[in-house]
Amino acid sequence: SKDTPPVVALGPGAAWIPRTWGGPEQLASSGLCRGAFH
């Protein structure tokens, strides 16, 4: 759930992925997402 801000920061072109989960917070806290960060 701490990764919600970076998911939101991906912008509107990437919004389709979190939308499938009901939003960025739900996606980040689902436990079903992997990410590469810098």
ModelCIF file with pLDDT and N, C-alpha, C, O atoms, coordinates in Angstrom:
data_MODEL
#
_entry.id   MODEL 
#
_entity.id                         1 
_entity.type                       polymer 
_entity.pdbx_number_of_molecules   1 
#
_entity_poly.entity_id                      1 
_entity_poly.type                           'polypeptide(L)' 
_entity_poly.nstd_linkage                   no 
_entity_poly.nstd_monomer                   no 
_entity_poly.pdbx_seq_one_letter_code       SKDTPPVVALGPGAAWIPRTWGGPEQLASSGLCRGAFH 
_entity_poly.pdbx_seq_one_letter_code_can   SKDTPPVVALGPGAAWIPRTWGGPEQLASSGLCRGAFH 
_entity_poly.pdbx_strand_id                 A 
#
loop_
_entity_poly_seq.entity_id 
_entity_poly_seq.num 
_entity_poly_seq.mon_id 
_entity_poly_seq.hetero 
1 1  SER n 
1 2  LYS n 
1 3  ASP n 
1 4  THR n 
1 5  PRO n 
1 6  PRO n 
1 7  VAL n 
1 8  VAL n 
1 9  ALA n 
1 10 LEU n 
1 11 GLY n 
1 12 PRO n 
1 13 GLY n 
1 14 ALA n 
1 15 ALA n 
1 16 TRP n 
1 17 ILE n 
1 18 PRO n 
1 19 ARG n 
1 20 THR n 
1 21 TRP n 
1 22 GLY n 
1 23 GLY n 
1 24 PRO n 
1 25 GLU n 
1 26 GLN n 
1 27 LEU n 
1 28 ALA n 
1 29 SER n 
1 30 SER n 
1 31 GLY n 
1 32 LEU n 
1 33 CYS n 
1 34 ARG n 
1 35 GLY n 
1 36 ALA n 
1 37 PHE n 
1 38 HIS n 
#
_struct_asym.id          A 
_struct_asym.entity_id   1 
#
loop_
_ma_qa_metric.id 
_ma_qa_metric.mode 
_ma_qa_metric.name 
_ma_qa_metric.software_group_id 
_ma_qa_metric.type 
1 global pLDDT . pLDDT 
2 local  pLDDT . pLDDT 
#
_ma_qa_metric_global.metric_id      1 
_ma_qa_metric_global.metric_value   92.55 
_ma_qa_metric_global.model_id       1 
_ma_qa_metric_global.ordinal_id     1 
#
loop_
_ma_qa_metric_local.label_asym_id 
_ma_qa_metric_local.label_comp_id 
_ma_qa_metric_local.label_seq_id 
_ma_qa_metric_local.metric_id 
_ma_qa_metric_local.metric_value 
_ma_qa_metric_local.model_id 
_ma_qa_metric_local.ordinal_id 
A SER 1  2 94.00 1 1  
A LYS 2  2 95.00 1 2  
A ASP 3  2 96.00 1 3  
A THR 4  2 95.00 1 4  
A PRO 5  2 96.00 1 5  
A PRO 6  2 94.00 1 6  
A VAL 7  2 93.00 1 7  
A VAL 8  2 93.00 1 8  
A ALA 9  2 92.00 1 9  
A LEU 10 2 88.00 1 10 
A GLY 11 2 85.00 1 11 
A PRO 12 2 87.00 1 12 
A GLY 13 2 85.00 1 13 
A ALA 14 2 88.00 1 14 
A ALA 15 2 89.00 1 15 
A TRP 16 2 89.00 1 16 
A ILE 17 2 89.00 1 17 
A PRO 18 2 90.00 1 18 
A ARG 19 2 89.00 1 19 
A THR 20 2 87.00 1 20 
A TRP 21 2 91.00 1 21 
A GLY 22 2 92.00 1 22 
A GLY 23 2 92.00 1 23 
A PRO 24 2 93.00 1 24 
A GLU 25 2 94.00 1 25 
A GLN 26 2 95.00 1 26 
A LEU 27 2 95.00 1 27 
A ALA 28 2 95.00 1 28 
A SER 29 2 95.00 1 29 
A SER 30 2 95.00 1 30 
A GLY 31 2 94.00 1 31 
A LEU 32 2 96.00 1 32 
A CYS 33 2 97.00 1 33 
A ARG 34 2 97.00 1 34 
A GLY 35 2 96.00 1 35 
A ALA 36 2 96.00 1 36 
A PHE 37 2 96.00 1 37 
A HIS 38 2 94.00 1 38 
#
loop_
_atom_site.group_PDB 
_atom_site.id 
_atom_site.type_symbol 
_atom_site.label_atom_id 
_atom_site.label_alt_id 
_atom_site.label_comp_id 
_atom_site.label_asym_id 
_atom_site.label_entity_id 
_atom_site.label_seq_id 
_atom_site.pdbx_PDB_ins_code 
_atom_site.Cartn_x 
_atom_site.Cartn_y 
_atom_site.Cartn_z 
_atom_site.occupancy 
_atom_site.B_iso_or_equiv 
_atom_site.pdbx_formal_charge 
_atom_site.auth_seq_id 
_atom_site.auth_comp_id 
_atom_site.auth_asym_id 
_atom_site.auth_atom_id 
_atom_site.pdbx_PDB_model_num 
ATOM 1   N N  . SER A 1 1  ? 0.821   -1.214  0.000   1.00 94.00 ? 1  SER A N  1 
ATOM 2   C CA . SER A 1 1  ? 0.000   0.000   0.000   1.00 94.00 ? 1  SER A CA 1 
ATOM 3   C C  . SER A 1 1  ? 0.857   1.267   0.000   1.00 94.00 ? 1  SER A C  1 
ATOM 4   O O  . SER A 1 1  ? 0.389   2.324   -0.423  1.00 94.00 ? 1  SER A O  1 
ATOM 5   N N  . LYS A 1 2  ? 2.102   1.174   0.468   1.00 95.00 ? 2  LYS A N  1 
ATOM 6   C CA . LYS A 1 2  ? 3.012   2.338   0.459   1.00 95.00 ? 2  LYS A CA 1 
ATOM 7   C C  . LYS A 1 2  ? 3.410   2.740   -0.960  1.00 95.00 ? 2  LYS A C  1 
ATOM 8   O O  . LYS A 1 2  ? 3.940   3.830   -1.172  1.00 95.00 ? 2  LYS A O  1 
ATOM 9   N N  . ASP A 1 3  ? 3.155   1.855   -1.938  1.00 96.00 ? 3  ASP A N  1 
ATOM 10  C CA . ASP A 1 3  ? 3.535   2.139   -3.322  1.00 96.00 ? 3  ASP A CA 1 
ATOM 11  C C  . ASP A 1 3  ? 2.421   2.837   -4.114  1.00 96.00 ? 3  ASP A C  1 
ATOM 12  O O  . ASP A 1 3  ? 2.543   3.000   -5.328  1.00 96.00 ? 3  ASP A O  1 
ATOM 13  N N  . THR A 1 4  ? 1.358   3.243   -3.455  1.00 95.00 ? 4  THR A N  1 
ATOM 14  C CA . THR A 1 4  ? 0.264   3.923   -4.149  1.00 95.00 ? 4  THR A CA 1 
ATOM 15  C C  . THR A 1 4  ? 0.737   5.191   -4.855  1.00 95.00 ? 4  THR A C  1 
ATOM 16  O O  . THR A 1 4  ? 0.400   5.365   -6.026  1.00 95.00 ? 4  THR A O  1 
ATOM 17  N N  . PRO A 1 5  ? 1.499   6.095   -4.218  1.00 96.00 ? 5  PRO A N  1 
ATOM 18  C CA . PRO A 1 5  ? 1.924   7.313   -4.922  1.00 96.00 ? 5  PRO A CA 1 
ATOM 19  C C  . PRO A 1 5  ? 2.726   7.050   -6.206  1.00 96.00 ? 5  PRO A C  1 
ATOM 20  O O  . PRO A 1 5  ? 2.466   7.711   -7.212  1.00 96.00 ? 5  PRO A O  1 
ATOM 21  N N  . PRO A 1 6  ? 3.687   6.117   -6.216  1.00 94.00 ? 6  PRO A N  1 
ATOM 22  C CA . PRO A 1 6  ? 4.384   5.855   -7.478  1.00 94.00 ? 6  PRO A CA 1 
ATOM 23  C C  . PRO A 1 6  ? 3.479   5.280   -8.566  1.00 94.00 ? 6  PRO A C  1 
ATOM 24  O O  . PRO A 1 6  ? 3.703   5.538   -9.749  1.00 94.00 ? 6  PRO A O  1 
ATOM 25  N N  . VAL A 1 7  ? 2.464   4.506   -8.187  1.00 93.00 ? 7  VAL A N  1 
ATOM 26  C CA . VAL A 1 7  ? 1.524   3.982   -9.176  1.00 93.00 ? 7  VAL A CA 1 
ATOM 27  C C  . VAL A 1 7  ? 0.709   5.127   -9.764  1.00 93.00 ? 7  VAL A C  1 
ATOM 28  O O  . VAL A 1 7  ? 0.499   5.179   -10.976 1.00 93.00 ? 7  VAL A O  1 
ATOM 29  N N  . VAL A 1 8  ? 0.251   6.041   -8.922  1.00 93.00 ? 8  VAL A N  1 
ATOM 30  C CA . VAL A 1 8  ? -0.497  7.210   -9.395  1.00 93.00 ? 8  VAL A CA 1 
ATOM 31  C C  . VAL A 1 8  ? 0.381   8.058   -10.307 1.00 93.00 ? 8  VAL A C  1 
ATOM 32  O O  . VAL A 1 8  ? -0.096  8.586   -11.311 1.00 93.00 ? 8  VAL A O  1 
ATOM 33  N N  . ALA A 1 9  ? 1.666   8.193   -9.964  1.00 92.00 ? 9  ALA A N  1 
ATOM 34  C CA . ALA A 1 9  ? 2.592   9.033   -10.727 1.00 92.00 ? 9  ALA A CA 1 
ATOM 35  C C  . ALA A 1 9  ? 2.864   8.505   -12.131 1.00 92.00 ? 9  ALA A C  1 
ATOM 36  O O  . ALA A 1 9  ? 3.410   9.228   -12.965 1.00 92.00 ? 9  ALA A O  1 
ATOM 37  N N  . LEU A 1 10 ? 2.488   7.249   -12.406 1.00 88.00 ? 10 LEU A N  1 
ATOM 38  C CA . LEU A 1 10 ? 2.679   6.722   -13.764 1.00 88.00 ? 10 LEU A CA 1 
ATOM 39  C C  . LEU A 1 10 ? 1.826   7.481   -14.776 1.00 88.00 ? 10 LEU A C  1 
ATOM 40  O O  . LEU A 1 10 ? 2.117   7.462   -15.972 1.00 88.00 ? 10 LEU A O  1 
ATOM 41  N N  . GLY A 1 11 ? 0.778   8.148   -14.303 1.00 85.00 ? 11 GLY A N  1 
ATOM 42  C CA . GLY A 1 11 ? -0.001  9.028   -15.160 1.00 85.00 ? 11 GLY A CA 1 
ATOM 43  C C  . GLY A 1 11 ? -1.206  8.371   -15.799 1.00 85.00 ? 11 GLY A C  1 
ATOM 44  O O  . GLY A 1 11 ? -1.445  7.176   -15.631 1.00 85.00 ? 11 GLY A O  1 
ATOM 45  N N  . PRO A 1 12 ? -1.968  9.180   -16.544 1.00 87.00 ? 12 PRO A N  1 
ATOM 46  C CA . PRO A 1 12 ? -3.229  8.698   -17.120 1.00 87.00 ? 12 PRO A CA 1 
ATOM 47  C C  . PRO A 1 12 ? -3.054  7.611   -18.175 1.00 87.00 ? 12 PRO A C  1 
ATOM 48  O O  . PRO A 1 12 ? -3.957  6.795   -18.359 1.00 87.00 ? 12 PRO A O  1 
ATOM 49  N N  . GLY A 1 13 ? -1.940  7.575   -18.859 1.00 85.00 ? 13 GLY A N  1 
ATOM 50  C CA . GLY A 1 13 ? -1.709  6.537   -19.868 1.00 85.00 ? 13 GLY A CA 1 
ATOM 51  C C  . GLY A 1 13 ? -1.567  5.152   -19.258 1.00 85.00 ? 13 GLY A C  1 
ATOM 52  O O  . GLY A 1 13 ? -1.735  4.149   -19.951 1.00 85.00 ? 13 GLY A O  1 
ATOM 53  N N  . ALA A 1 14 ? -1.262  5.088   -17.973 1.00 88.00 ? 14 ALA A N  1 
ATOM 54  C CA . ALA A 1 14 ? -1.099  3.816   -17.275 1.00 88.00 ? 14 ALA A CA 1 
ATOM 55  C C  . ALA A 1 14 ? -2.276  3.515   -16.360 1.00 88.00 ? 14 ALA A C  1 
ATOM 56  O O  . ALA A 1 14 ? -2.252  2.517   -15.639 1.00 88.00 ? 14 ALA A O  1 
ATOM 57  N N  . ALA A 1 15 ? -3.293  4.344   -16.373 1.00 89.00 ? 15 ALA A N  1 
ATOM 58  C CA . ALA A 1 15 ? -4.413  4.212   -15.430 1.00 89.00 ? 15 ALA A CA 1 
ATOM 59  C C  . ALA A 1 15 ? -5.246  2.958   -15.660 1.00 89.00 ? 15 ALA A C  1 
ATOM 60  O O  . ALA A 1 15 ? -5.982  2.540   -14.766 1.00 89.00 ? 15 ALA A O  1 
ATOM 61  N N  . TRP A 1 16 ? -5.146  2.350   -16.836 1.00 89.00 ? 16 TRP A N  1 
ATOM 62  C CA . TRP A 1 16 ? -5.975  1.171   -17.115 1.00 89.00 ? 16 TRP A CA 1 
ATOM 63  C C  . TRP A 1 16 ? -5.615  0.001   -16.212 1.00 89.00 ? 16 TRP A C  1 
ATOM 64  O O  . TRP A 1 16 ? -6.487  -0.804  -15.885 1.00 89.00 ? 16 TRP A O  1 
ATOM 65  N N  . ILE A 1 17 ? -4.366  -0.116  -15.802 1.00 89.00 ? 17 ILE A N  1 
ATOM 66  C CA . ILE A 1 17 ? -3.983  -1.238  -14.937 1.00 89.00 ? 17 ILE A CA 1 
ATOM 67  C C  . ILE A 1 17 ? -4.583  -1.084  -13.538 1.00 89.00 ? 17 ILE A C  1 
ATOM 68  O O  . ILE A 1 17 ? -5.261  -2.006  -13.084 1.00 89.00 ? 17 ILE A O  1 
ATOM 69  N N  . PRO A 1 18 ? -4.374  0.022   -12.835 1.00 90.00 ? 18 PRO A N  1 
ATOM 70  C CA . PRO A 1 18 ? -5.006  0.125   -11.511 1.00 90.00 ? 18 PRO A CA 1 
ATOM 71  C C  . PRO A 1 18 ? -6.533  0.160   -11.576 1.00 90.00 ? 18 PRO A C  1 
ATOM 72  O O  . PRO A 1 18 ? -7.202  -0.232  -10.620 1.00 90.00 ? 18 PRO A O  1 
ATOM 73  N N  . ARG A 1 19 ? -7.081  0.621   -12.684 1.00 89.00 ? 19 ARG A N  1 
ATOM 74  C CA . ARG A 1 19 ? -8.538  0.673   -12.828 1.00 89.00 ? 19 ARG A CA 1 
ATOM 75  C C  . ARG A 1 19 ? -9.154  -0.728  -12.728 1.00 89.00 ? 19 ARG A C  1 
ATOM 76  O O  . ARG A 1 19 ? -10.271 -0.879  -12.234 1.00 89.00 ? 19 ARG A O  1 
ATOM 77  N N  . THR A 1 20 ? -8.432  -1.749  -13.193 1.00 87.00 ? 20 THR A N  1 
ATOM 78  C CA . THR A 1 20 ? -8.955  -3.115  -13.104 1.00 87.00 ? 20 THR A CA 1 
ATOM 79  C C  . THR A 1 20 ? -9.080  -3.578  -11.656 1.00 87.00 ? 20 THR A C  1 
ATOM 80  O O  . THR A 1 20 ? -9.798  -4.537  -11.373 1.00 87.00 ? 20 THR A O  1 
ATOM 81  N N  . TRP A 1 21 ? -8.393  -2.911  -10.746 1.00 91.00 ? 21 TRP A N  1 
ATOM 82  C CA . TRP A 1 21 ? -8.452  -3.266  -9.324  1.00 91.00 ? 21 TRP A CA 1 
ATOM 83  C C  . TRP A 1 21 ? -9.291  -2.294  -8.505  1.00 91.00 ? 21 TRP A C  1 
ATOM 84  O O  . TRP A 1 21 ? -9.432  -2.467  -7.294  1.00 91.00 ? 21 TRP A O  1 
ATOM 85  N N  . GLY A 1 22 ? -9.846  -1.280  -9.147  1.00 92.00 ? 22 GLY A N  1 
ATOM 86  C CA . GLY A 1 22 ? -10.631 -0.285  -8.421  1.00 92.00 ? 22 GLY A CA 1 
ATOM 87  C C  . GLY A 1 22 ? -9.830  0.943   -8.046  1.00 92.00 ? 22 GLY A C  1 
ATOM 88  O O  . GLY A 1 22 ? -10.350 1.842   -7.386  1.00 92.00 ? 22 GLY A O  1 
ATOM 89  N N  . GLY A 1 23 ? -8.573  0.998   -8.455  1.00 92.00 ? 23 GLY A N  1 
ATOM 90  C CA . GLY A 1 23 ? -7.743  2.168   -8.199  1.00 92.00 ? 23 GLY A CA 1 
ATOM 91  C C  . GLY A 1 23 ? -6.335  1.786   -7.779  1.00 92.00 ? 23 GLY A C  1 
ATOM 92  O O  . GLY A 1 23 ? -6.056  0.621   -7.496  1.00 92.00 ? 23 GLY A O  1 
ATOM 93  N N  . PRO A 1 24 ? -5.445  2.780   -7.741  1.00 93.00 ? 24 PRO A N  1 
ATOM 94  C CA . PRO A 1 24 ? -4.033  2.528   -7.413  1.00 93.00 ? 24 PRO A CA 1 
ATOM 95  C C  . PRO A 1 24 ? -3.810  1.916   -6.029  1.00 93.00 ? 24 PRO A C  1 
ATOM 96  O O  . PRO A 1 24 ? -2.952  1.048   -5.867  1.00 93.00 ? 24 PRO A O  1 
ATOM 97  N N  . GLU A 1 25 ? -4.568  2.358   -5.042  1.00 94.00 ? 25 GLU A N  1 
ATOM 98  C CA . GLU A 1 25 ? -4.364  1.825   -3.694  1.00 94.00 ? 25 GLU A CA 1 
ATOM 99  C C  . GLU A 1 25 ? -4.737  0.345   -3.621  1.00 94.00 ? 25 GLU A C  1 
ATOM 100 O O  . GLU A 1 25 ? -4.035  -0.446  -2.991  1.00 94.00 ? 25 GLU A O  1 
ATOM 101 N N  . GLN A 1 26 ? -5.837  -0.025  -4.262  1.00 95.00 ? 26 GLN A N  1 
ATOM 102 C CA . GLN A 1 26 ? -6.253  -1.418  -4.251  1.00 95.00 ? 26 GLN A CA 1 
ATOM 103 C C  . GLN A 1 26 ? -5.252  -2.294  -4.996  1.00 95.00 ? 26 GLN A C  1 
ATOM 104 O O  . GLN A 1 26 ? -4.956  -3.409  -4.565  1.00 95.00 ? 26 GLN A O  1 
ATOM 105 N N  . LEU A 1 27 ? -4.733  -1.793  -6.108  1.00 95.00 ? 27 LEU A N  1 
ATOM 106 C CA . LEU A 1 27 ? -3.724  -2.546  -6.854  1.00 95.00 ? 27 LEU A CA 1 
ATOM 107 C C  . LEU A 1 27 ? -2.470  -2.745  -6.003  1.00 95.00 ? 27 LEU A C  1 
ATOM 108 O O  . LEU A 1 27 ? -1.971  -3.862  -5.870  1.00 95.00 ? 27 LEU A O  1 
ATOM 109 N N  . ALA A 1 28 ? -1.971  -1.661  -5.436  1.00 95.00 ? 28 ALA A N  1 
ATOM 110 C CA . ALA A 1 28 ? -0.724  -1.725  -4.667  1.00 95.00 ? 28 ALA A CA 1 
ATOM 111 C C  . ALA A 1 28 ? -0.853  -2.646  -3.453  1.00 95.00 ? 28 ALA A C  1 
ATOM 112 O O  . ALA A 1 28 ? 0.106   -3.326  -3.088  1.00 95.00 ? 28 ALA A O  1 
ATOM 113 N N  . SER A 1 29 ? -2.017  -2.672  -2.833  1.00 95.00 ? 29 SER A N  1 
ATOM 114 C CA . SER A 1 29 ? -2.179  -3.486  -1.628  1.00 95.00 ? 29 SER A CA 1 
ATOM 115 C C  . SER A 1 29 ? -2.714  -4.889  -1.919  1.00 95.00 ? 29 SER A C  1 
ATOM 116 O O  . SER A 1 29 ? -2.940  -5.664  -0.989  1.00 95.00 ? 29 SER A O  1 
ATOM 117 N N  . SER A 1 30 ? -2.920  -5.228  -3.203  1.00 95.00 ? 30 SER A N  1 
ATOM 118 C CA . SER A 1 30 ? -3.490  -6.530  -3.567  1.00 95.00 ? 30 SER A CA 1 
ATOM 119 C C  . SER A 1 30 ? -2.538  -7.697  -3.307  1.00 95.00 ? 30 SER A C  1 
ATOM 120 O O  . SER A 1 30 ? -2.988  -8.824  -3.102  1.00 95.00 ? 30 SER A O  1 
ATOM 121 N N  . GLY A 1 31 ? -1.230  -7.441  -3.314  1.00 94.00 ? 31 GLY A N  1 
ATOM 122 C CA . GLY A 1 31 ? -0.261  -8.520  -3.202  1.00 94.00 ? 31 GLY A CA 1 
ATOM 123 C C  . GLY A 1 31 ? -0.065  -9.260  -4.515  1.00 94.00 ? 31 GLY A C  1 
ATOM 124 O O  . GLY A 1 31 ? 0.660   -10.254 -4.563  1.00 94.00 ? 31 GLY A O  1 
ATOM 125 N N  . LEU A 1 32 ? -0.705  -8.785  -5.585  1.00 96.00 ? 32 LEU A N  1 
ATOM 126 C CA . LEU A 1 32 ? -0.661  -9.454  -6.884  1.00 96.00 ? 32 LEU A CA 1 
ATOM 127 C C  . LEU A 1 32 ? 0.003   -8.587  -7.942  1.00 96.00 ? 32 LEU A C  1 
ATOM 128 O O  . LEU A 1 32 ? -0.320  -8.678  -9.127  1.00 96.00 ? 32 LEU A O  1 
ATOM 129 N N  . CYS A 1 33 ? 0.934   -7.744  -7.505  1.00 97.00 ? 33 CYS A N  1 
ATOM 130 C CA . CYS A 1 33 ? 1.617   -6.844  -8.440  1.00 97.00 ? 33 CYS A CA 1 
ATOM 131 C C  . CYS A 1 33 ? 3.102   -6.792  -8.087  1.00 97.00 ? 33 CYS A C  1 
ATOM 132 O O  . CYS A 1 33 ? 3.478   -6.701  -6.918  1.00 97.00 ? 33 CYS A O  1 
ATOM 133 N N  . ARG A 1 34 ? 3.923   -6.852  -9.112  1.00 97.00 ? 34 ARG A N  1 
ATOM 134 C CA . ARG A 1 34 ? 5.371   -6.701  -8.977  1.00 97.00 ? 34 ARG A CA 1 
ATOM 135 C C  . ARG A 1 34 ? 5.790   -5.432  -9.691  1.00 97.00 ? 34 ARG A C  1 
ATOM 136 O O  . ARG A 1 34 ? 5.183   -5.044  -10.689 1.00 97.00 ? 34 ARG A O  1 
ATOM 137 N N  . GLY A 1 35 ? 6.829   -4.783  -9.182  1.00 96.00 ? 35 GLY A N  1 
ATOM 138 C CA . GLY A 1 35 ? 7.270   -3.554  -9.807  1.00 96.00 ? 35 GLY A CA 1 
ATOM 139 C C  . GLY A 1 35 ? 8.776   -3.385  -9.780  1.00 96.00 ? 35 GLY A C  1 
ATOM 140 O O  . GLY A 1 35 ? 9.467   -3.908  -8.905  1.00 96.00 ? 35 GLY A O  1 
ATOM 141 N N  . ALA A 1 36 ? 9.266   -2.642  -10.757 1.00 96.00 ? 36 ALA A N  1 
ATOM 142 C CA . ALA A 1 36 ? 10.675  -2.242  -10.802 1.00 96.00 ? 36 ALA A CA 1 
ATOM 143 C C  . ALA A 1 36 ? 10.704  -0.751  -10.474 1.00 96.00 ? 36 ALA A C  1 
ATOM 144 O O  . ALA A 1 36 ? 9.992   0.044   -11.087 1.00 96.00 ? 36 ALA A O  1 
ATOM 145 N N  . PHE A 1 37 ? 11.518  -0.390  -9.520  1.00 96.00 ? 37 PHE A N  1 
ATOM 146 C CA . PHE A 1 37 ? 11.574  0.986   -9.036  1.00 96.00 ? 37 PHE A CA 1 
ATOM 147 C C  . PHE A 1 37 ? 12.997  1.519   -9.094  1.00 96.00 ? 37 PHE A C  1 
ATOM 148 O O  . PHE A 1 37 ? 13.968  0.763   -9.035  1.00 96.00 ? 37 PHE A O  1 
ATOM 149 N N  . HIS A 1 38 ? 13.095  2.830   -9.208  1.00 94.00 ? 38 HIS A N  1 
ATOM 150 C CA . HIS A 1 38 ? 14.386  3.501   -9.097  1.00 94.00 ? 38 HIS A CA 1 
ATOM 151 C C  . HIS A 1 38 ? 14.152  4.801   -8.346  1.00 94.00 ? 38 HIS A C  1 
ATOM 152 O O  . HIS A 1 38 ? 15.093  5.561   -8.119  1.00 94.00 ? 38 HIS A O  1 
#
